[in-house]
Amino acid sequence: MAKIYTEAARVIVWLGDAERYGEEAPNELRVAVVKGSWKGKKKDTSPAVKHLLQRPWFERVLQEVAAARQVTIKCGHAEIDGDDFCQGIEAVILPATDKLDLIRNVCCLIKDAGLRPRYDLVREQGGDRFSLKIAPWPNF
């Protein structure tokens, strides 16, 4: 998979079907960015955004965003640019969750996507697996 993500011009992070609140969250994050930038303060987190942040997707997107140069996040039919998503996350008061550090780290990876060079892949010894040879997850 590392090989695919390094060669992609854009990576789409699929969060799954809309389920409860799924398609509302991206729009609410966009609104939070606009309102937050006007007032200079954070917006309370809506139920839709809270529900989105509780999904298990943060734990699996690391390989998708670690090598990406552009990120789009989709949930059901709704989509949001990765930068807008991260600005929205920064504009809301995040709920207390054990995923808070993970959420912030994923956003850091997404925000840096445009600065990321194409990685040289290294074939891992004795196999068909590839590695990006970037820092292991705990070091982010």
N, C-alpha and C. Protein backbone atom coordinates (compact mmCIF):
# COMPACT_ATOMS: atom_id res chain seq x y z
N MET A 1 0.82 -1.19 0.00
CA MET A 1 0.00 0.00 0.00
C MET A 1 0.86 1.26 0.00
N ALA A 2 2.01 1.20 0.64
CA ALA A 2 2.87 2.38 0.69
C ALA A 2 3.21 2.84 -0.73
N LYS A 3 3.45 1.89 -1.62
CA LYS A 3 3.79 2.23 -3.00
C LYS A 3 2.65 2.99 -3.67
N ILE A 4 1.44 2.57 -3.45
CA ILE A 4 0.28 3.23 -4.05
C ILE A 4 0.16 4.66 -3.54
N TYR A 5 0.26 4.85 -2.23
CA TYR A 5 0.08 6.18 -1.65
C TYR A 5 1.18 7.15 -2.07
N THR A 6 2.40 6.68 -2.27
CA THR A 6 3.47 7.58 -2.68
C THR A 6 3.31 8.03 -4.12
N GLU A 7 2.66 7.23 -4.94
CA GLU A 7 2.50 7.57 -6.35
C GLU A 7 1.21 8.35 -6.63
N ALA A 8 0.33 8.43 -5.66
CA ALA A 8 -0.95 9.11 -5.86
C ALA A 8 -0.80 10.62 -5.81
N ALA A 9 -1.50 11.32 -6.72
CA ALA A 9 -1.53 12.78 -6.67
C ALA A 9 -2.42 13.24 -5.52
N ARG A 10 -3.46 12.47 -5.25
CA ARG A 10 -4.39 12.81 -4.17
C ARG A 10 -4.85 11.51 -3.52
N VAL A 11 -4.97 11.55 -2.21
CA VAL A 11 -5.46 10.40 -1.45
C VAL A 11 -6.83 10.76 -0.90
N ILE A 12 -7.81 9.89 -1.15
CA ILE A 12 -9.15 10.08 -0.61
C ILE A 12 -9.29 9.17 0.60
N VAL A 13 -9.54 9.79 1.75
CA VAL A 13 -9.76 9.04 2.98
C VAL A 13 -11.25 8.78 3.09
N TRP A 14 -11.65 7.54 2.95
CA TRP A 14 -13.06 7.15 2.98
C TRP A 14 -13.43 6.77 4.41
N LEU A 15 -14.34 7.53 5.00
CA LEU A 15 -14.76 7.28 6.38
C LEU A 15 -15.94 6.33 6.46
N GLY A 16 -16.44 5.94 5.32
CA GLY A 16 -17.57 5.01 5.30
C GLY A 16 -18.87 5.72 4.98
N ASP A 17 -19.95 4.99 5.11
CA ASP A 17 -21.26 5.55 4.85
C ASP A 17 -21.58 6.63 5.86
N ALA A 18 -22.53 7.46 5.51
CA ALA A 18 -22.86 8.61 6.34
C ALA A 18 -23.31 8.23 7.74
N GLU A 19 -24.06 7.17 7.88
CA GLU A 19 -24.59 6.77 9.18
C GLU A 19 -25.20 7.98 9.88
N ARG A 20 -25.13 7.97 11.18
CA ARG A 20 -25.71 9.06 11.97
C ARG A 20 -24.81 10.29 11.90
N TYR A 21 -25.33 11.39 11.45
CA TYR A 21 -24.65 12.69 11.36
C TYR A 21 -23.53 12.76 10.32
N GLY A 22 -23.17 11.67 9.67
CA GLY A 22 -21.96 11.63 8.85
C GLY A 22 -21.80 12.73 7.85
N GLU A 23 -22.87 13.06 7.13
CA GLU A 23 -22.73 14.07 6.09
C GLU A 23 -22.83 15.49 6.64
N GLU A 24 -23.27 15.65 7.86
CA GLU A 24 -23.35 16.98 8.47
C GLU A 24 -21.98 17.47 8.95
N ALA A 25 -21.15 16.56 9.43
CA ALA A 25 -19.89 16.94 10.07
C ALA A 25 -18.97 17.77 9.17
N PRO A 26 -18.71 17.36 7.90
CA PRO A 26 -17.82 18.19 7.07
C PRO A 26 -18.33 19.62 6.91
N ASN A 27 -19.64 19.79 6.71
CA ASN A 27 -20.19 21.14 6.58
C ASN A 27 -20.05 21.92 7.87
N GLU A 28 -20.26 21.26 8.99
CA GLU A 28 -20.14 21.95 10.28
C GLU A 28 -18.70 22.35 10.56
N LEU A 29 -17.74 21.56 10.09
CA LEU A 29 -16.34 21.95 10.26
C LEU A 29 -16.02 23.18 9.41
N ARG A 30 -16.57 23.24 8.19
CA ARG A 30 -16.37 24.43 7.35
C ARG A 30 -16.94 25.67 8.04
N VAL A 31 -18.13 25.54 8.60
CA VAL A 31 -18.78 26.66 9.30
C VAL A 31 -17.94 27.08 10.50
N ALA A 32 -17.38 26.12 11.22
CA ALA A 32 -16.56 26.43 12.39
C ALA A 32 -15.33 27.24 12.00
N VAL A 33 -14.76 26.94 10.84
CA VAL A 33 -13.60 27.70 10.37
C VAL A 33 -13.99 29.15 10.12
N VAL A 34 -15.08 29.35 9.41
CA VAL A 34 -15.52 30.70 9.07
C VAL A 34 -15.91 31.47 10.33
N LYS A 35 -16.73 30.88 11.17
CA LYS A 35 -17.17 31.57 12.38
C LYS A 35 -16.00 31.80 13.35
N GLY A 36 -15.13 30.82 13.45
CA GLY A 36 -13.98 30.96 14.35
C GLY A 36 -13.04 32.06 13.90
N SER A 37 -12.85 32.18 12.59
CA SER A 37 -11.93 33.20 12.09
C SER A 37 -12.53 34.60 12.24
N TRP A 38 -13.84 34.72 12.22
CA TRP A 38 -14.48 36.02 12.41
C TRP A 38 -14.45 36.45 13.86
N LYS A 39 -14.71 35.52 14.75
CA LYS A 39 -14.84 35.87 16.16
C LYS A 39 -13.55 35.67 16.95
N GLY A 40 -12.61 34.93 16.38
CA GLY A 40 -11.37 34.68 17.08
C GLY A 40 -11.50 33.75 18.27
N LYS A 41 -12.58 32.99 18.31
CA LYS A 41 -12.73 32.02 19.40
C LYS A 41 -13.27 30.71 18.86
N LYS A 42 -13.12 29.68 19.66
CA LYS A 42 -13.53 28.35 19.22
C LYS A 42 -15.03 28.14 19.39
N LYS A 43 -15.57 27.32 18.51
CA LYS A 43 -16.99 26.99 18.51
C LYS A 43 -17.19 25.68 19.28
N ASP A 44 -18.31 25.57 19.98
CA ASP A 44 -18.62 24.30 20.64
C ASP A 44 -18.75 23.21 19.60
N THR A 45 -18.33 22.03 19.96
CA THR A 45 -18.38 20.90 19.03
C THR A 45 -19.81 20.39 18.92
N SER A 46 -20.26 20.23 17.69
CA SER A 46 -21.62 19.73 17.44
C SER A 46 -21.67 18.22 17.64
N PRO A 47 -22.87 17.67 17.81
CA PRO A 47 -23.00 16.20 17.90
C PRO A 47 -22.45 15.50 16.66
N ALA A 48 -22.62 16.11 15.48
CA ALA A 48 -22.13 15.49 14.24
C ALA A 48 -20.61 15.35 14.25
N VAL A 49 -19.92 16.42 14.65
CA VAL A 49 -18.46 16.38 14.69
C VAL A 49 -17.98 15.43 15.78
N LYS A 50 -18.63 15.44 16.93
CA LYS A 50 -18.26 14.50 18.00
C LYS A 50 -18.38 13.06 17.52
N HIS A 51 -19.47 12.77 16.82
CA HIS A 51 -19.69 11.41 16.32
C HIS A 51 -18.61 11.03 15.30
N LEU A 52 -18.27 11.96 14.42
CA LEU A 52 -17.23 11.70 13.42
C LEU A 52 -15.89 11.39 14.09
N LEU A 53 -15.56 12.14 15.13
CA LEU A 53 -14.28 11.96 15.81
C LEU A 53 -14.22 10.68 16.63
N GLN A 54 -15.36 10.09 16.93
CA GLN A 54 -15.38 8.84 17.68
C GLN A 54 -15.26 7.62 16.78
N ARG A 55 -15.36 7.81 15.48
CA ARG A 55 -15.22 6.68 14.55
C ARG A 55 -13.79 6.13 14.63
N PRO A 56 -13.64 4.86 14.34
CA PRO A 56 -12.30 4.25 14.43
C PRO A 56 -11.36 4.61 13.28
N TRP A 57 -11.78 5.48 12.39
CA TRP A 57 -11.00 5.73 11.19
C TRP A 57 -9.64 6.35 11.46
N PHE A 58 -9.49 7.12 12.55
CA PHE A 58 -8.19 7.75 12.82
C PHE A 58 -7.09 6.72 12.98
N GLU A 59 -7.46 5.55 13.45
CA GLU A 59 -6.46 4.52 13.70
C GLU A 59 -5.97 3.85 12.42
N ARG A 60 -6.71 3.98 11.32
CA ARG A 60 -6.30 3.30 10.10
C ARG A 60 -5.83 4.25 8.99
N VAL A 61 -6.00 5.55 9.15
CA VAL A 61 -5.64 6.46 8.07
C VAL A 61 -4.18 6.85 8.06
N LEU A 62 -3.45 6.42 9.04
CA LEU A 62 -2.04 6.84 9.12
C LEU A 62 -1.27 6.52 7.85
N GLN A 63 -1.40 5.30 7.35
CA GLN A 63 -0.65 4.95 6.15
C GLN A 63 -1.18 5.72 4.94
N GLU A 64 -2.46 6.07 4.96
CA GLU A 64 -3.03 6.80 3.84
C GLU A 64 -2.51 8.23 3.78
N VAL A 65 -2.41 8.89 4.92
CA VAL A 65 -2.01 10.30 4.91
C VAL A 65 -0.51 10.51 5.09
N ALA A 66 0.21 9.52 5.56
CA ALA A 66 1.64 9.68 5.82
C ALA A 66 2.43 9.97 4.55
N ALA A 67 2.00 9.45 3.41
CA ALA A 67 2.72 9.66 2.17
C ALA A 67 1.98 10.57 1.20
N ALA A 68 0.79 10.99 1.55
CA ALA A 68 -0.05 11.77 0.64
C ALA A 68 0.48 13.18 0.43
N ARG A 69 0.23 13.71 -0.76
CA ARG A 69 0.57 15.09 -1.04
C ARG A 69 -0.67 15.98 -1.10
N GLN A 70 -1.83 15.37 -1.22
CA GLN A 70 -3.10 16.08 -1.13
C GLN A 70 -4.11 15.10 -0.55
N VAL A 71 -4.93 15.57 0.40
CA VAL A 71 -5.87 14.69 1.09
C VAL A 71 -7.29 15.25 0.95
N THR A 72 -8.22 14.37 0.61
CA THR A 72 -9.65 14.68 0.62
C THR A 72 -10.31 13.66 1.54
N ILE A 73 -11.20 14.13 2.39
CA ILE A 73 -11.89 13.25 3.33
C ILE A 73 -13.34 13.15 2.90
N LYS A 74 -13.83 11.90 2.75
CA LYS A 74 -15.21 11.66 2.33
C LYS A 74 -15.95 10.86 3.39
N CYS A 75 -17.21 11.25 3.61
CA CYS A 75 -18.10 10.51 4.50
C CYS A 75 -19.46 10.50 3.83
N GLY A 76 -19.89 9.34 3.38
CA GLY A 76 -21.11 9.29 2.59
C GLY A 76 -20.88 10.08 1.32
N HIS A 77 -21.79 10.98 0.99
CA HIS A 77 -21.65 11.82 -0.20
C HIS A 77 -20.91 13.12 0.09
N ALA A 78 -20.72 13.43 1.35
CA ALA A 78 -20.05 14.68 1.72
C ALA A 78 -18.54 14.52 1.64
N GLU A 79 -17.87 15.58 1.24
CA GLU A 79 -16.41 15.55 1.24
C GLU A 79 -15.87 16.90 1.67
N ILE A 80 -14.65 16.87 2.18
CA ILE A 80 -13.99 18.08 2.63
C ILE A 80 -12.50 17.93 2.35
N ASP A 81 -11.89 19.01 1.92
CA ASP A 81 -10.46 19.03 1.69
C ASP A 81 -9.74 18.80 3.03
N GLY A 82 -8.64 18.10 3.00
CA GLY A 82 -7.91 17.80 4.23
C GLY A 82 -7.51 19.03 5.03
N ASP A 83 -7.05 20.09 4.33
CA ASP A 83 -6.68 21.32 5.04
C ASP A 83 -7.89 21.95 5.73
N ASP A 84 -9.03 21.97 5.02
CA ASP A 84 -10.25 22.53 5.62
C ASP A 84 -10.69 21.71 6.83
N PHE A 85 -10.56 20.40 6.71
CA PHE A 85 -10.91 19.51 7.83
C PHE A 85 -10.07 19.87 9.06
N CYS A 86 -8.77 20.01 8.86
CA CYS A 86 -7.87 20.30 9.98
C CYS A 86 -8.13 21.68 10.57
N GLN A 87 -8.39 22.66 9.71
CA GLN A 87 -8.72 24.00 10.22
C GLN A 87 -10.02 23.95 11.02
N GLY A 88 -10.97 23.14 10.56
CA GLY A 88 -12.22 22.99 11.30
C GLY A 88 -12.00 22.35 12.65
N ILE A 89 -11.14 21.33 12.69
CA ILE A 89 -10.82 20.66 13.96
C ILE A 89 -10.18 21.67 14.92
N GLU A 90 -9.31 22.53 14.39
CA GLU A 90 -8.66 23.53 15.23
C GLU A 90 -9.63 24.61 15.69
N ALA A 91 -10.74 24.79 14.97
CA ALA A 91 -11.69 25.85 15.29
C ALA A 91 -12.77 25.42 16.28
N VAL A 92 -12.81 24.14 16.61
CA VAL A 92 -13.84 23.67 17.55
C VAL A 92 -13.19 23.25 18.87
N ILE A 93 -14.00 23.23 19.89
CA ILE A 93 -13.54 22.71 21.18
C ILE A 93 -13.66 21.20 21.10
N LEU A 94 -12.54 20.53 21.11
CA LEU A 94 -12.57 19.07 20.95
C LEU A 94 -13.10 18.40 22.21
N PRO A 95 -13.92 17.38 22.02
CA PRO A 95 -14.44 16.65 23.18
C PRO A 95 -13.33 15.85 23.84
N ALA A 96 -13.47 15.62 25.12
CA ALA A 96 -12.50 14.78 25.82
C ALA A 96 -12.62 13.37 25.26
N THR A 97 -11.53 12.85 24.78
CA THR A 97 -11.52 11.51 24.20
C THR A 97 -10.11 10.95 24.31
N ASP A 98 -10.02 9.65 24.35
CA ASP A 98 -8.70 9.03 24.39
C ASP A 98 -8.01 9.12 23.03
N LYS A 99 -8.70 9.60 22.02
CA LYS A 99 -8.13 9.73 20.68
C LYS A 99 -7.60 11.13 20.40
N LEU A 100 -7.59 12.00 21.38
CA LEU A 100 -7.23 13.40 21.16
C LEU A 100 -5.84 13.55 20.54
N ASP A 101 -4.85 12.87 21.08
CA ASP A 101 -3.50 12.95 20.52
C ASP A 101 -3.47 12.39 19.11
N LEU A 102 -4.18 11.30 18.89
CA LEU A 102 -4.23 10.68 17.56
C LEU A 102 -4.87 11.64 16.56
N ILE A 103 -5.95 12.30 16.95
CA ILE A 103 -6.63 13.27 16.08
C ILE A 103 -5.67 14.40 15.71
N ARG A 104 -4.98 14.93 16.68
CA ARG A 104 -4.04 16.04 16.42
C ARG A 104 -2.89 15.58 15.52
N ASN A 105 -2.38 14.38 15.75
CA ASN A 105 -1.27 13.89 14.93
C ASN A 105 -1.68 13.63 13.50
N VAL A 106 -2.88 13.08 13.30
CA VAL A 106 -3.38 12.87 11.94
C VAL A 106 -3.53 14.22 11.24
N CYS A 107 -4.04 15.21 11.95
CA CYS A 107 -4.17 16.55 11.36
C CYS A 107 -2.81 17.14 10.99
N CYS A 108 -1.81 16.92 11.80
CA CYS A 108 -0.45 17.38 11.46
C CYS A 108 0.04 16.74 10.17
N LEU A 109 -0.20 15.45 10.03
CA LEU A 109 0.19 14.75 8.80
C LEU A 109 -0.55 15.31 7.60
N ILE A 110 -1.84 15.56 7.76
CA ILE A 110 -2.64 16.09 6.65
C ILE A 110 -2.17 17.50 6.28
N LYS A 111 -1.94 18.35 7.27
CA LYS A 111 -1.53 19.73 6.99
C LYS A 111 -0.18 19.78 6.28
N ASP A 112 0.68 18.84 6.55
CA ASP A 112 2.00 18.82 5.92
C ASP A 112 2.00 18.13 4.56
N ALA A 113 0.87 17.64 4.12
CA ALA A 113 0.80 16.85 2.88
C ALA A 113 1.32 17.63 1.67
N GLY A 114 0.97 18.89 1.56
CA GLY A 114 1.40 19.68 0.41
C GLY A 114 2.89 19.93 0.37
N LEU A 115 3.55 19.80 1.49
CA LEU A 115 5.00 20.02 1.57
C LEU A 115 5.80 18.75 1.37
N ARG A 116 5.10 17.63 1.32
CA ARG A 116 5.75 16.34 1.32
C ARG A 116 6.29 16.00 -0.07
N PRO A 117 7.55 15.60 -0.14
CA PRO A 117 8.10 15.17 -1.43
C PRO A 117 7.63 13.76 -1.76
N ARG A 118 7.84 13.36 -2.98
CA ARG A 118 7.58 11.96 -3.33
C ARG A 118 8.63 11.15 -2.59
N TYR A 119 8.18 10.18 -1.86
CA TYR A 119 9.11 9.36 -1.09
C TYR A 119 9.72 8.29 -1.97
N ASP A 120 10.97 7.99 -1.68
CA ASP A 120 11.60 6.85 -2.31
C ASP A 120 11.21 5.63 -1.51
N LEU A 121 10.73 4.64 -2.20
CA LEU A 121 10.34 3.41 -1.52
C LEU A 121 11.54 2.50 -1.36
N VAL A 122 11.58 1.83 -0.27
CA VAL A 122 12.64 0.87 0.00
C VAL A 122 11.99 -0.49 0.18
N ARG A 123 12.43 -1.46 -0.61
CA ARG A 123 11.89 -2.81 -0.47
C ARG A 123 12.46 -3.40 0.81
N GLU A 124 11.56 -3.86 1.68
CA GLU A 124 12.01 -4.45 2.93
C GLU A 124 12.70 -5.77 2.64
N GLN A 125 13.69 -6.06 3.43
CA GLN A 125 14.53 -7.22 3.23
C GLN A 125 13.72 -8.51 3.13
N GLY A 126 13.96 -9.24 2.04
CA GLY A 126 13.38 -10.57 1.88
C GLY A 126 11.89 -10.61 1.60
N GLY A 127 11.33 -9.60 0.95
CA GLY A 127 9.90 -9.69 0.72
C GLY A 127 9.39 -8.71 -0.30
N ASP A 128 8.08 -8.73 -0.46
CA ASP A 128 7.41 -7.85 -1.40
C ASP A 128 6.88 -6.59 -0.73
N ARG A 129 7.19 -6.39 0.54
CA ARG A 129 6.69 -5.22 1.27
C ARG A 129 7.60 -4.03 1.02
N PHE A 130 6.98 -2.86 0.98
CA PHE A 130 7.71 -1.63 0.79
C PHE A 130 7.60 -0.78 2.04
N SER A 131 8.56 0.09 2.23
CA SER A 131 8.53 1.00 3.38
C SER A 131 8.87 2.40 2.89
N LEU A 132 8.29 3.39 3.55
CA LEU A 132 8.60 4.78 3.24
C LEU A 132 9.84 5.25 3.98
N LYS A 133 10.24 4.51 4.98
CA LYS A 133 11.40 4.85 5.82
C LYS A 133 11.23 6.25 6.44
N ILE A 134 10.03 6.50 6.94
CA ILE A 134 9.80 7.73 7.70
C ILE A 134 9.69 7.34 9.15
N ALA A 135 9.59 8.31 10.03
CA ALA A 135 9.57 8.05 11.47
C ALA A 135 8.43 7.11 11.85
N PRO A 136 8.68 6.20 12.79
CA PRO A 136 7.60 5.34 13.27
C PRO A 136 6.55 6.17 13.99
N TRP A 137 5.32 5.67 14.04
CA TRP A 137 4.19 6.43 14.58
C TRP A 137 4.44 7.06 15.94
N PRO A 138 5.00 6.38 16.93
CA PRO A 138 5.16 7.03 18.24
C PRO A 138 6.06 8.27 18.20
N ASN A 139 6.85 8.43 17.14
CA ASN A 139 7.75 9.57 17.06
C ASN A 139 7.11 10.82 16.46
N PHE A 140 5.87 10.74 16.02
CA PHE A 140 5.20 11.91 15.45
C PHE A 140 4.76 12.83 16.54
